[in-house]
Amino acid sequence: MQDFKTVESNSEKETYDLGFEMGKKAYPGQVCTLIGDLGVGKTVFTQGFAAGLGIKDYICSPTFTIVQVYDDGRLPFYHFDVYRIGDESEMEEIGYEEYVYGDGVSLIEWADLINDILPDRYTRIEITKDLDKGFDYRNIKITEVG
């Protein structure tokens, strides 16, 4: 792993706003992985990211469909939730490589479950809580991998 920065968020709005700023800077072919326990704010971050791409649709985690495609922003947005993936080979069935190596932006929640098939270069976003710093506090570590 290479360059990284840490952002502290003290509210859902700050987490959303960070996602928004990253979405505004997203580029074709970019892959972002989103790591964190249930309830840390992955969906809030993703909603901000999609808004930064200019997507107006309501964003929720595609837990049962695995991938949701949004074409109404400045770039196609491929939102994955691989929480229910039993085996990485299941990703082939949904056309994973076509999305990840395509012209859009891929954001993959629970990406640590498919580490072996991630591209060589991606942006890793890890969100953790620290209840000692407050219920809404989040530590967000952004690492450029590869």
C-alpha atoms as a PDB file:
ATOM      1  CA  MET A   1       0.000   0.000   0.000  1.00  0.00           C
ATOM      2  CA  GLN A   2       1.133   3.502  -0.728  1.00  0.00           C
ATOM      3  CA  ASP A   3      -0.149   7.028  -0.143  1.00  0.00           C
ATOM      4  CA  PHE A   4      -2.864   7.368   2.445  1.00  0.00           C
ATOM      5  CA  LYS A   5      -4.697  10.001   4.393  1.00  0.00           C
ATOM      6  CA  THR A   6      -6.998   9.840   7.367  1.00  0.00           C
ATOM      7  CA  VAL A   7     -10.160  11.880   7.702  1.00  0.00           C
ATOM      8  CA  GLU A   8     -12.133  12.179  10.912  1.00  0.00           C
ATOM      9  CA  SER A   9     -15.891  12.514  10.560  1.00  0.00           C
ATOM     10  CA  ASN A  10     -18.151  13.559  13.403  1.00  0.00           C
ATOM     11  CA  SER A  11     -21.487  13.288  11.602  1.00  0.00           C
ATOM     12  CA  GLU A  12     -23.337  11.576   8.785  1.00  0.00           C
ATOM     13  CA  LYS A  13     -23.155  14.870   6.882  1.00  0.00           C
ATOM     14  CA  GLU A  14     -19.358  14.955   7.084  1.00  0.00           C
ATOM     15  CA  THR A  15     -19.172  11.335   5.852  1.00  0.00           C
ATOM     16  CA  TYR A  16     -21.597  12.150   3.021  1.00  0.00           C
ATOM     17  CA  ASP A  17     -19.635  15.290   2.129  1.00  0.00           C
ATOM     18  CA  LEU A  18     -16.359  13.341   1.926  1.00  0.00           C
ATOM     19  CA  GLY A  19     -18.031  10.872  -0.416  1.00  0.00           C
ATOM     20  CA  PHE A  20     -19.398  13.787  -2.460  1.00  0.00           C
ATOM     21  CA  GLU A  21     -15.956  15.366  -2.870  1.00  0.00           C
ATOM     22  CA  MET A  22     -14.439  12.032  -3.899  1.00  0.00           C
ATOM     23  CA  GLY A  23     -17.274  11.463  -6.379  1.00  0.00           C
ATOM     24  CA  LYS A  24     -16.640  14.870  -7.947  1.00  0.00           C
ATOM     25  CA  LYS A  25     -12.994  13.857  -8.516  1.00  0.00           C
ATOM     26  CA  ALA A  26     -13.736  10.304  -9.724  1.00  0.00           C
ATOM     27  CA  TYR A  27     -12.375   9.318 -13.118  1.00  0.00           C
ATOM     28  CA  PRO A  28     -13.169   6.656 -15.750  1.00  0.00           C
ATOM     29  CA  GLY A  29     -11.924   3.213 -14.734  1.00  0.00           C
ATOM     30  CA  GLN A  30     -11.476   4.139 -11.076  1.00  0.00           C
ATOM     31  CA  VAL A  31     -12.152   1.393  -8.550  1.00  0.00           C
ATOM     32  CA  CYS A  32     -12.858   2.222  -4.912  1.00  0.00           C
ATOM     33  CA  THR A  33     -13.193  -0.396  -2.214  1.00  0.00           C
ATOM     34  CA  LEU A  34     -15.231   0.326   0.877  1.00  0.00           C
ATOM     35  CA  ILE A  35     -14.350  -1.604   4.021  1.00  0.00           C
ATOM     36  CA  GLY A  36     -16.074  -1.421   7.393  1.00  0.00           C
ATOM     37  CA  ASP A  37     -18.392  -3.181   9.796  1.00  0.00           C
ATOM     38  CA  LEU A  38     -22.176  -2.999   9.591  1.00  0.00           C
ATOM     39  CA  GLY A  39     -23.461   0.433  10.517  1.00  0.00           C
ATOM     40  CA  VAL A  40     -20.242   2.438  10.061  1.00  0.00           C
ATOM     41  CA  GLY A  41     -21.595   4.614   7.260  1.00  0.00           C
ATOM     42  CA  LYS A  42     -20.633   2.842   4.040  1.00  0.00           C
ATOM     43  CA  THR A  43     -24.023   3.578   2.477  1.00  0.00           C
ATOM     44  CA  VAL A  44     -23.958   7.229   3.595  1.00  0.00           C
ATOM     45  CA  PHE A  45     -20.502   7.600   2.038  1.00  0.00           C
ATOM     46  CA  THR A  46     -21.738   5.912  -1.158  1.00  0.00           C
ATOM     47  CA  GLN A  47     -24.768   8.206  -1.350  1.00  0.00           C
ATOM     48  CA  GLY A  48     -22.438  11.206  -1.208  1.00  0.00           C
ATOM     49  CA  PHE A  49     -20.100   9.649  -3.777  1.00  0.00           C
ATOM     50  CA  ALA A  50     -22.984   9.081  -6.209  1.00  0.00           C
ATOM     51  CA  ALA A  51     -24.237  12.641  -5.687  1.00  0.00           C
ATOM     52  CA  GLY A  52     -20.726  13.882  -6.477  1.00  0.00           C
ATOM     53  CA  LEU A  53     -21.024  12.038  -9.794  1.00  0.00           C
ATOM     54  CA  GLY A  54     -24.287  13.891 -10.442  1.00  0.00           C
ATOM     55  CA  ILE A  55     -26.547  10.891  -9.810  1.00  0.00           C
ATOM     56  CA  LYS A  56     -29.999  11.867  -8.582  1.00  0.00           C
ATOM     57  CA  ASP A  57     -31.355   8.349  -7.893  1.00  0.00           C
ATOM     58  CA  TYR A  58     -31.792   7.084  -4.345  1.00  0.00           C
ATOM     59  CA  ILE A  59     -28.771   4.940  -3.451  1.00  0.00           C
ATOM     60  CA  CYS A  60     -29.037   1.889  -1.220  1.00  0.00           C
ATOM     61  CA  SER A  61     -26.791  -1.146  -0.867  1.00  0.00           C
ATOM     62  CA  PRO A  62     -27.475  -3.764  -3.553  1.00  0.00           C
ATOM     63  CA  THR A  63     -27.026  -6.593  -1.042  1.00  0.00           C
ATOM     64  CA  PHE A  64     -29.243  -9.074  -2.870  1.00  0.00           C
ATOM     65  CA  THR A  65     -28.530  -7.990  -6.460  1.00  0.00           C
ATOM     66  CA  ILE A  66     -24.770  -7.600  -5.816  1.00  0.00           C
ATOM     67  CA  VAL A  67     -24.400  -4.751  -8.335  1.00  0.00           C
ATOM     68  CA  GLN A  68     -26.516  -1.719  -9.151  1.00  0.00           C
ATOM     69  CA  VAL A  69     -25.739   0.331 -12.265  1.00  0.00           C
ATOM     70  CA  TYR A  70     -26.412   4.081 -12.460  1.00  0.00           C
ATOM     71  CA  ASP A  71     -26.024   5.742 -15.852  1.00  0.00           C
ATOM     72  CA  ASP A  72     -27.438   9.193 -15.163  1.00  0.00           C
ATOM     73  CA  GLY A  73     -24.284  10.840 -13.777  1.00  0.00           C
ATOM     74  CA  ARG A  74     -21.237  12.254 -15.518  1.00  0.00           C
ATOM     75  CA  LEU A  75     -19.759   8.707 -15.508  1.00  0.00           C
ATOM     76  CA  PRO A  76     -21.426   5.315 -15.233  1.00  0.00           C
ATOM     77  CA  PHE A  77     -21.427   4.230 -11.581  1.00  0.00           C
ATOM     78  CA  TYR A  78     -21.229   0.555 -10.600  1.00  0.00           C
ATOM     79  CA  HIS A  79     -22.127   0.028  -6.957  1.00  0.00           C
ATOM     80  CA  PHE A  80     -21.276  -3.450  -5.657  1.00  0.00           C
ATOM     81  CA  ASP A  81     -22.161  -5.009  -2.311  1.00  0.00           C
ATOM     82  CA  VAL A  82     -20.379  -8.352  -2.091  1.00  0.00           C
ATOM     83  CA  TYR A  83     -21.386  -9.133   1.507  1.00  0.00           C
ATOM     84  CA  ARG A  84     -23.350 -12.215   0.415  1.00  0.00           C
ATOM     85  CA  ILE A  85     -20.749 -13.568  -2.013  1.00  0.00           C
ATOM     86  CA  GLY A  86     -19.849 -17.122  -1.013  1.00  0.00           C
ATOM     87  CA  ASP A  87     -17.038 -17.515  -3.512  1.00  0.00           C
ATOM     88  CA  GLU A  88     -15.127 -15.088  -5.719  1.00  0.00           C
ATOM     89  CA  SER A  89     -16.128 -17.125  -8.786  1.00  0.00           C
ATOM     90  CA  GLU A  90     -19.677 -15.811  -8.313  1.00  0.00           C
ATOM     91  CA  MET A  91     -18.369 -12.423  -9.419  1.00  0.00           C
ATOM     92  CA  GLU A  92     -17.715 -13.777 -12.914  1.00  0.00           C
ATOM     93  CA  GLU A  93     -21.406 -14.632 -13.247  1.00  0.00           C
ATOM     94  CA  ILE A  94     -22.421 -10.992 -12.863  1.00  0.00           C
ATOM     95  CA  GLY A  95     -19.835  -9.662 -15.325  1.00  0.00           C
ATOM     96  CA  TYR A  96     -17.554  -8.186 -12.653  1.00  0.00           C
ATOM     97  CA  GLU A  97     -14.604  -7.616 -14.990  1.00  0.00           C
ATOM     98  CA  GLU A  98     -16.718  -5.757 -17.554  1.00  0.00           C
ATOM     99  CA  TYR A  99     -17.638  -3.242 -14.864  1.00  0.00           C
ATOM    100  CA  VAL A 100     -14.323  -2.978 -13.034  1.00  0.00           C
ATOM    101  CA  TYR A 101     -12.247  -2.694 -16.205  1.00  0.00           C
ATOM    102  CA  GLY A 102     -14.819  -0.533 -18.001  1.00  0.00           C
ATOM    103  CA  ASP A 103     -15.194   3.215 -18.468  1.00  0.00           C
ATOM    104  CA  GLY A 104     -17.226   3.867 -15.356  1.00  0.00           C
ATOM    105  CA  VAL A 105     -16.444   4.120 -11.653  1.00  0.00           C
ATOM    106  CA  SER A 106     -16.779   1.032  -9.439  1.00  0.00           C
ATOM    107  CA  LEU A 107     -17.366   1.222  -5.699  1.00  0.00           C
ATOM    108  CA  ILE A 108     -17.229  -2.160  -3.974  1.00  0.00           C
ATOM    109  CA  GLU A 109     -18.601  -2.543  -0.441  1.00  0.00           C
ATOM    110  CA  TRP A 110     -17.116  -5.413   1.622  1.00  0.00           C
ATOM    111  CA  ALA A 111     -14.281  -5.662  -0.925  1.00  0.00           C
ATOM    112  CA  ASP A 112     -12.064  -7.442   1.601  1.00  0.00           C
ATOM    113  CA  LEU A 113     -14.164 -10.549   0.783  1.00  0.00           C
ATOM    114  CA  ILE A 114     -12.872 -10.540  -2.823  1.00  0.00           C
ATOM    115  CA  ASN A 115      -9.260  -9.410  -2.312  1.00  0.00           C
ATOM    116  CA  ASP A 116      -7.844 -11.934  -4.761  1.00  0.00           C
ATOM    117  CA  ILE A 117      -9.736 -10.508  -7.746  1.00  0.00           C
ATOM    118  CA  LEU A 118      -9.315  -6.796  -7.075  1.00  0.00           C
ATOM    119  CA  PRO A 119      -7.392  -4.902  -9.769  1.00  0.00           C
ATOM    120  CA  ASP A 120      -3.746  -3.991  -9.198  1.00  0.00           C
ATOM    121  CA  ARG A 121      -4.663  -0.334  -8.614  1.00  0.00           C
ATOM    122  CA  TYR A 122      -7.583   0.889  -6.522  1.00  0.00           C
ATOM    123  CA  THR A 123      -8.552   3.326  -3.805  1.00  0.00           C
ATOM    124  CA  ARG A 124      -9.187   1.607  -0.467  1.00  0.00           C
ATOM    125  CA  ILE A 125     -11.575   3.429   1.882  1.00  0.00           C
ATOM    126  CA  GLU A 126     -11.810   1.964   5.364  1.00  0.00           C
ATOM    127  CA  ILE A 127     -14.336   3.334   7.847  1.00  0.00           C
ATOM    128  CA  THR A 128     -14.125   2.517  11.548  1.00  0.00           C
ATOM    129  CA  LYS A 129     -15.950   3.711  14.653  1.00  0.00           C
ATOM    130  CA  ASP A 130     -14.446   4.788  17.949  1.00  0.00           C
ATOM    131  CA  LEU A 131     -17.237   5.075  20.493  1.00  0.00           C
ATOM    132  CA  ASP A 132     -14.839   6.698  22.969  1.00  0.00           C
ATOM    133  CA  LYS A 133     -14.879   9.714  20.618  1.00  0.00           C
ATOM    134  CA  GLY A 134     -18.681   9.764  20.288  1.00  0.00           C
ATOM    135  CA  PHE A 135     -21.492   7.809  18.668  1.00  0.00           C
ATOM    136  CA  ASP A 136     -21.204   9.640  15.331  1.00  0.00           C
ATOM    137  CA  TYR A 137     -17.399   9.661  15.147  1.00  0.00           C
ATOM    138  CA  ARG A 138     -15.828   7.834  12.190  1.00  0.00           C
ATOM    139  CA  ASN A 139     -12.188   7.394  11.230  1.00  0.00           C
ATOM    140  CA  ILE A 140     -11.899   7.151   7.444  1.00  0.00           C
ATOM    141  CA  LYS A 141      -8.594   5.958   6.035  1.00  0.00           C
ATOM    142  CA  ILE A 142      -8.111   6.434   2.295  1.00  0.00           C
ATOM    143  CA  THR A 143      -5.251   4.501   0.713  1.00  0.00           C
ATOM    144  CA  GLU A 144      -4.106   4.410  -2.894  1.00  0.00           C
ATOM    145  CA  VAL A 145      -3.130   0.800  -3.590  1.00  0.00           C
ATOM    146  CA  GLY A 146      -0.849  -0.237  -6.462  1.00  0.00           C
END
